[in-house]
Amino acid sequence: STNKLDFAGATNGSNPNGSLMQASDGKLYGMAQGGGANGVGVLFQYDPATSIYTKKLDFAVATNGQSPQGTLMQASDGKLYGMTINGGANNMGVLFQYAPATSIYAKKLDFAGATNGSYPRANLIEIAVTITTATVSSTNCTGSTINVPYTIAGAYDAGNVFTAQLSDATGSFASPVNIGTYTATTVGTINASIPSNTPAGTGYRIRVISSSPVVTGADNGSNISINTSPSIATTSNQAANTSTNLCSALANYSTPTTSGWPAPTVSYSFSGATTGSGTGTGSGSAFNNGVTSVTLTATNSCGAPSNTFTVTVSDNINPTIT
């Protein structure tokens, strides 16, 4: 073994406690429960590549704790967390945060006895805070509601807001769209709405995020389809004259423009002087003398709007006697 450092009290600490931990910057960090400028412990860094020791913090009793215990832990936010057995506002120890990147210390908690404990001696652990989006409806329409259930792990703060987000049609969350929120700290279901201007597609995903703490959850795990409501253009009223020796006339009208996804099917219904129904527009049918109401309907899974107009057939041929 090789002696890398001798602790010497005031200059670099004494009585080191706990283990060294290697942070994401490659350096080793540890604590000594005595020594330092105030005689009550230090937090230090050691670079194994260069064998350089650096004292990063002198503990000072009331302001930032006294006699650190245990091993530092690097949390998912990149910060180091630890505790002291004494010091702080109540001289019962503190929980603190230290940022290696900025060398900034922050006292996060003063232990106070009956309310939250005292004289901590153990190591901290981080429980992962996660959100998992459960199964959602696989086919949806623009403008419709969708229930987004989710499960969680870890603790969430009072006032936390869970938000359901919609990806683009390729499943990317580069520019997510917020579609619903729910203020809670527990599992639940978000009542969300698909925006009416969402393009049709079959590769959408939904995920849930939280505000406190800030967590981005996993998406629902499979593609969902978003369909668009159909529309059908209006058709102007039509007029025709009966043919010779007939009480009806053939009426032809243009097929109205339709939109929507999936592409809607068009059907017709006649009422009045002429009755009947079927697929298509009914254009080219024989219409009886009089007024017939024609209703054209465009139908897909998201709706069935219609367009109604009249076909008026007049008998303008003078009678003849043979």
Protein backbone atom coordinates (compact mmCIF):
# COMPACT_ATOMS: atom_id res chain seq x y z
CA SER A 1 0.00 0.00 0.00
CA THR A 2 1.01 3.60 -0.56
CA ASN A 3 0.36 6.40 1.88
CA LYS A 4 -1.21 9.14 -0.25
CA LEU A 5 -1.96 11.70 2.48
CA ASP A 6 -1.45 12.35 6.17
CA PHE A 7 -4.26 14.19 7.90
CA ALA A 8 -2.84 16.94 10.07
CA GLY A 9 -5.71 18.66 11.85
CA ALA A 10 -6.22 22.35 11.08
CA THR A 11 -4.75 22.29 7.58
CA ASN A 12 -6.62 19.36 6.08
CA GLY A 13 -8.82 17.74 8.71
CA SER A 14 -8.55 14.90 11.19
CA ASN A 15 -10.32 11.66 12.04
CA PRO A 16 -11.80 10.96 8.58
CA ASN A 17 -15.16 9.26 8.76
CA GLY A 18 -16.94 7.13 6.17
CA SER A 19 -15.61 6.10 2.78
CA LEU A 20 -14.31 8.00 -0.20
CA MET A 21 -16.67 8.25 -3.16
CA GLN A 22 -15.76 8.99 -6.76
CA ALA A 23 -17.92 11.67 -8.35
CA SER A 24 -18.76 12.08 -12.01
CA ASP A 25 -15.82 14.50 -12.41
CA GLY A 26 -13.43 11.65 -11.62
CA LYS A 27 -12.33 13.12 -8.29
CA LEU A 28 -12.63 11.43 -4.90
CA TYR A 29 -14.61 13.20 -2.18
CA GLY A 30 -14.70 12.54 1.55
CA MET A 31 -15.17 14.08 4.98
CA ALA A 32 -13.16 14.29 8.19
CA GLN A 33 -15.09 14.79 11.43
CA GLY A 34 -12.40 16.87 13.06
CA GLY A 35 -9.78 19.43 12.17
CA GLY A 36 -10.05 22.20 9.67
CA ALA A 37 -10.14 25.91 10.37
CA ASN A 38 -12.76 25.50 13.10
CA GLY A 39 -11.71 22.12 14.45
CA VAL A 40 -15.09 20.53 13.65
CA GLY A 41 -14.44 18.83 10.31
CA VAL A 42 -13.87 19.37 6.61
CA LEU A 43 -15.15 18.24 3.24
CA PHE A 44 -12.31 17.51 0.83
CA GLN A 45 -11.47 16.48 -2.71
CA TYR A 46 -8.64 14.20 -3.82
CA ASP A 47 -7.55 13.85 -7.45
CA PRO A 48 -6.22 10.30 -7.98
CA ALA A 49 -4.69 11.32 -11.31
CA THR A 50 -2.47 14.01 -9.80
CA SER A 51 -2.48 13.01 -6.09
CA ILE A 52 -3.60 16.54 -5.21
CA TYR A 53 -5.69 17.09 -2.07
CA THR A 54 -7.99 20.13 -1.90
CA LYS A 55 -9.95 21.21 1.14
CA LYS A 56 -13.34 22.28 -0.21
CA LEU A 57 -15.20 23.27 2.96
CA ASP A 58 -14.60 23.97 6.66
CA PHE A 59 -17.55 23.07 8.84
CA ALA A 60 -18.40 25.83 11.30
CA VAL A 61 -21.03 24.47 13.73
CA ALA A 62 -24.19 26.65 13.60
CA THR A 63 -23.90 27.86 10.01
CA ASN A 64 -23.18 24.62 8.19
CA GLY A 65 -22.88 21.76 10.66
CA GLN A 66 -20.26 20.07 12.83
CA SER A 67 -18.53 16.65 12.78
CA PRO A 68 -19.70 15.17 9.46
CA GLN A 69 -20.56 11.47 9.57
CA GLY A 70 -20.91 8.81 6.92
CA THR A 71 -20.14 8.81 3.20
CA LEU A 72 -21.10 11.45 0.68
CA MET A 73 -23.55 10.49 -2.06
CA GLN A 74 -23.80 11.94 -5.57
CA ALA A 75 -27.47 12.23 -6.54
CA SER A 76 -29.00 12.24 -10.01
CA ASP A 77 -28.83 16.07 -10.04
CA GLY A 78 -25.01 15.85 -9.92
CA LYS A 79 -24.79 17.32 -6.43
CA LEU A 80 -23.16 15.67 -3.41
CA TYR A 81 -25.25 15.12 -0.29
CA GLY A 82 -24.16 14.37 3.30
CA MET A 83 -24.95 14.91 6.98
CA THR A 84 -23.26 16.12 10.16
CA ILE A 85 -23.91 14.69 13.59
CA ASN A 86 -23.91 18.08 15.33
CA GLY A 87 -24.15 21.74 14.50
CA GLY A 88 -26.83 23.58 12.62
CA ALA A 89 -29.53 25.79 14.07
CA ASN A 90 -30.37 23.29 16.82
CA ASN A 91 -26.93 21.70 17.24
CA MET A 92 -28.52 18.36 16.31
CA GLY A 93 -26.96 18.03 12.88
CA VAL A 94 -27.71 19.10 9.34
CA LEU A 95 -28.36 17.61 5.92
CA PHE A 96 -26.42 19.46 3.25
CA GLN A 97 -25.81 19.67 -0.48
CA TYR A 98 -22.48 20.39 -2.16
CA ALA A 99 -22.04 21.14 -5.88
CA PRO A 100 -18.65 19.96 -7.15
CA ALA A 101 -18.94 21.99 -10.34
CA THR A 102 -19.38 25.32 -8.51
CA SER A 103 -18.02 24.52 -5.00
CA ILE A 104 -21.27 25.84 -3.53
CA TYR A 105 -22.54 24.45 -0.21
CA ALA A 106 -26.23 24.63 0.71
CA LYS A 107 -27.72 23.59 4.03
CA LYS A 108 -30.94 21.75 3.17
CA LEU A 109 -32.22 20.77 6.61
CA ASP A 110 -31.62 21.43 10.31
CA PHE A 111 -32.42 18.41 12.43
CA ALA A 112 -34.60 19.43 15.36
CA GLY A 113 -35.27 16.40 17.54
CA ALA A 114 -38.90 15.32 17.88
CA THR A 115 -40.05 16.74 14.56
CA ASN A 116 -37.42 15.30 12.19
CA GLY A 117 -34.73 13.46 14.16
CA SER A 118 -31.34 14.32 15.57
CA TYR A 119 -27.65 13.39 15.41
CA PRO A 120 -27.71 11.45 12.10
CA ARG A 121 -24.95 8.86 11.64
CA ALA A 122 -25.93 6.79 8.59
CA ASN A 123 -25.37 7.24 4.84
CA LEU A 124 -27.91 8.83 2.55
CA ILE A 125 -29.46 6.90 -0.35
CA GLU A 126 -31.39 8.23 -3.32
CA ILE A 127 -34.69 6.62 -4.22
CA ALA A 128 -35.30 7.10 -7.93
CA VAL A 129 -38.25 9.35 -8.68
CA THR A 130 -39.94 8.04 -11.81
CA ILE A 131 -43.18 8.31 -13.76
CA THR A 132 -44.53 5.57 -15.99
CA THR A 133 -47.36 6.31 -18.40
CA ALA A 134 -49.82 3.42 -18.53
CA THR A 135 -51.84 2.16 -21.51
CA VAL A 136 -53.94 4.76 -23.32
CA SER A 137 -56.54 4.49 -26.06
CA SER A 138 -54.83 3.38 -29.29
CA THR A 139 -57.11 5.30 -31.67
CA ASN A 140 -58.29 8.84 -31.00
CA CYS A 141 -59.89 11.77 -32.79
CA THR A 142 -58.82 15.39 -32.84
CA GLY A 143 -60.80 17.38 -30.30
CA SER A 144 -61.64 14.29 -28.25
CA THR A 145 -60.77 13.55 -24.61
CA ILE A 146 -58.34 10.83 -23.58
CA ASN A 147 -57.61 9.41 -20.15
CA VAL A 148 -53.89 9.21 -19.36
CA PRO A 149 -53.20 6.98 -16.33
CA TYR A 150 -49.75 6.98 -14.76
CA THR A 151 -47.82 5.33 -11.94
CA ILE A 152 -44.98 6.82 -9.90
CA ALA A 153 -42.06 5.90 -7.67
CA GLY A 154 -40.51 8.18 -5.08
CA ALA A 155 -41.84 11.27 -3.32
CA TYR A 156 -43.43 14.33 -4.92
CA ASP A 157 -43.81 17.75 -3.32
CA ALA A 158 -47.05 19.44 -2.30
CA GLY A 159 -48.42 21.45 -5.20
CA ASN A 160 -46.75 19.22 -7.78
CA VAL A 161 -48.44 19.22 -11.19
CA PHE A 162 -48.44 16.18 -13.45
CA THR A 163 -48.73 17.12 -17.15
CA ALA A 164 -49.64 14.82 -20.04
CA GLN A 165 -47.69 15.59 -23.22
CA LEU A 166 -48.30 14.54 -26.82
CA SER A 167 -45.42 13.81 -29.19
CA ASP A 168 -45.38 14.59 -32.90
CA ALA A 169 -46.59 12.03 -35.46
CA THR A 170 -43.18 10.28 -35.41
CA GLY A 171 -43.16 9.79 -31.62
CA SER A 172 -40.62 12.57 -31.00
CA PHE A 173 -40.95 14.79 -27.92
CA ALA A 174 -38.59 17.46 -29.29
CA SER A 175 -41.54 19.90 -29.21
CA PRO A 176 -44.17 18.26 -26.99
CA VAL A 177 -47.73 19.55 -26.74
CA ASN A 178 -49.29 19.79 -23.27
CA ILE A 179 -52.73 18.17 -23.40
CA GLY A 180 -53.80 17.96 -19.75
CA THR A 181 -52.72 18.55 -16.14
CA TYR A 182 -53.45 17.11 -12.71
CA THR A 183 -52.26 18.54 -9.38
CA ALA A 184 -51.33 15.63 -7.13
CA THR A 185 -48.53 13.83 -5.29
CA THR A 186 -49.82 10.31 -5.93
CA VAL A 187 -50.76 8.02 -8.81
CA GLY A 188 -53.76 9.04 -10.85
CA THR A 189 -55.31 9.67 -14.25
CA ILE A 190 -55.05 12.89 -16.26
CA ASN A 191 -58.15 13.89 -18.21
CA ALA A 192 -56.54 15.19 -21.41
CA SER A 193 -57.76 16.48 -24.78
CA ILE A 194 -56.30 15.97 -28.24
CA PRO A 195 -55.95 19.45 -29.83
CA SER A 196 -58.27 19.99 -32.77
CA ASN A 197 -55.38 21.14 -34.99
CA THR A 198 -53.33 17.94 -34.51
CA PRO A 199 -52.31 16.42 -37.88
CA ALA A 200 -53.48 12.88 -38.56
CA GLY A 201 -50.89 10.19 -37.92
CA THR A 202 -50.23 6.71 -36.59
CA GLY A 203 -46.96 7.19 -34.66
CA TYR A 204 -47.95 9.41 -31.73
CA ARG A 205 -46.89 8.77 -28.12
CA ILE A 206 -48.00 10.25 -24.78
CA ARG A 207 -45.86 10.80 -21.68
CA VAL A 208 -46.35 12.37 -18.25
CA ILE A 209 -43.97 14.86 -16.61
CA SER A 210 -43.98 16.45 -13.15
CA SER A 211 -43.15 19.91 -11.85
CA SER A 212 -41.83 19.25 -8.30
CA PRO A 213 -39.52 17.49 -8.53
CA VAL A 214 -38.96 17.95 -12.24
CA VAL A 215 -39.23 14.46 -13.73
CA THR A 216 -39.76 13.39 -17.34
CA GLY A 217 -41.65 10.12 -17.40
CA ALA A 218 -41.48 7.22 -19.83
CA ASP A 219 -44.00 7.32 -22.67
CA ASN A 220 -46.95 4.95 -23.03
CA GLY A 221 -44.82 2.37 -24.83
CA SER A 222 -46.71 1.94 -28.10
CA ASN A 223 -47.84 4.07 -31.04
CA ILE A 224 -51.30 5.60 -31.04
CA SER A 225 -53.30 6.86 -34.01
CA ILE A 226 -54.93 10.25 -34.22
CA ASN A 227 -57.65 10.65 -36.82
CA THR A 228 -59.22 13.88 -38.03
CA SER A 229 -62.93 14.68 -38.24
CA PRO A 230 -64.50 14.62 -41.70
CA SER A 231 -65.91 17.61 -43.53
CA ILE A 232 -68.02 17.94 -46.66
CA ALA A 233 -68.48 21.00 -48.86
CA THR A 234 -71.91 22.43 -49.59
CA THR A 235 -73.76 21.73 -52.84
CA SER A 236 -75.99 24.32 -54.50
CA ASN A 237 -79.65 23.60 -55.20
CA GLN A 238 -80.31 21.92 -58.52
CA ALA A 239 -83.11 22.31 -61.10
CA ALA A 240 -84.14 20.15 -64.07
CA ASN A 241 -87.04 19.68 -66.49
CA THR A 242 -88.85 16.45 -67.15
CA SER A 243 -88.07 14.61 -70.32
CA THR A 244 -90.66 14.00 -73.07
CA ASN A 245 -93.31 11.50 -72.02
CA LEU A 246 -91.71 11.18 -68.56
CA CYS A 247 -92.58 12.54 -65.15
CA SER A 248 -88.97 12.61 -64.03
CA ALA A 249 -85.56 13.91 -65.02
CA LEU A 250 -81.97 12.83 -64.57
CA ALA A 251 -80.06 15.27 -62.35
CA ASN A 252 -76.29 15.42 -62.32
CA TYR A 253 -74.36 17.42 -59.73
CA SER A 254 -70.73 17.66 -58.79
CA THR A 255 -69.25 15.48 -56.07
CA PRO A 256 -68.58 17.79 -53.11
CA THR A 257 -65.07 18.05 -51.69
CA THR A 258 -64.48 16.01 -48.54
CA SER A 259 -61.61 15.87 -46.04
CA GLY A 260 -60.67 13.90 -42.94
CA TRP A 261 -58.62 10.87 -41.93
CA PRO A 262 -59.36 8.09 -42.54
CA ALA A 263 -60.83 9.31 -45.84
CA PRO A 264 -64.58 9.50 -45.27
CA THR A 265 -67.13 7.50 -47.20
CA VAL A 266 -70.00 9.43 -48.79
CA SER A 267 -73.61 8.30 -48.74
CA TYR A 268 -76.87 9.89 -49.92
CA SER A 269 -80.46 10.02 -48.80
CA PHE A 270 -83.46 11.30 -50.87
CA SER A 271 -86.73 12.51 -49.35
CA GLY A 272 -89.74 14.33 -50.75
CA ALA A 273 -90.78 13.81 -54.36
CA THR A 274 -88.11 11.12 -54.66
CA THR A 275 -87.02 8.69 -51.93
CA GLY A 276 -84.08 6.38 -51.59
CA SER A 277 -80.59 6.04 -50.17
CA GLY A 278 -77.25 4.43 -50.94
CA THR A 279 -73.50 4.88 -51.11
CA GLY A 280 -71.97 7.63 -53.22
CA THR A 281 -73.61 10.95 -54.02
CA GLY A 282 -76.68 9.79 -55.93
CA SER A 283 -75.77 12.11 -58.81
CA GLY A 284 -77.24 10.93 -62.12
CA SER A 285 -80.34 9.45 -60.45
CA ALA A 286 -83.86 9.93 -61.85
CA PHE A 287 -85.72 12.52 -59.78
CA ASN A 288 -89.52 12.71 -59.84
CA ASN A 289 -91.45 15.82 -60.70
CA GLY A 290 -91.45 18.08 -57.64
CA VAL A 291 -88.91 18.92 -54.93
CA THR A 292 -86.53 16.30 -53.53
CA SER A 293 -84.25 16.95 -50.55
CA VAL A 294 -80.82 15.39 -50.99
CA THR A 295 -78.62 14.81 -47.96
CA LEU A 296 -75.00 13.84 -48.53
CA THR A 297 -73.10 12.51 -45.51
CA ALA A 298 -69.33 12.08 -45.11
CA THR A 299 -68.53 9.43 -42.49
CA ASN A 300 -65.38 8.22 -40.74
CA SER A 301 -64.57 7.11 -37.19
CA CYS A 302 -64.51 10.72 -35.95
CA GLY A 303 -67.87 11.97 -37.21
CA ALA A 304 -70.51 12.19 -39.91
CA PRO A 305 -71.27 15.77 -41.07
CA SER A 306 -73.86 16.24 -43.81
CA ASN A 307 -74.82 18.64 -46.56
CA THR A 308 -78.46 19.07 -47.68
CA PHE A 309 -79.72 20.68 -50.88
CA THR A 310 -82.75 20.33 -53.15
CA VAL A 311 -83.34 18.99 -56.62
CA THR A 312 -86.43 20.59 -58.20
CA VAL A 313 -87.91 18.89 -61.29
CA SER A 314 -90.43 20.87 -63.31
CA ASP A 315 -92.80 19.55 -65.98
CA ASN A 316 -92.65 22.32 -68.62
CA ILE A 317 -93.70 20.22 -71.62
CA ASN A 318 -97.18 20.99 -72.95
CA PRO A 319 -99.51 18.07 -73.19
CA THR A 320 -100.38 16.67 -76.65
CA ILE A 321 -103.40 14.79 -78.00
CA THR A 322 -102.89 12.06 -80.51
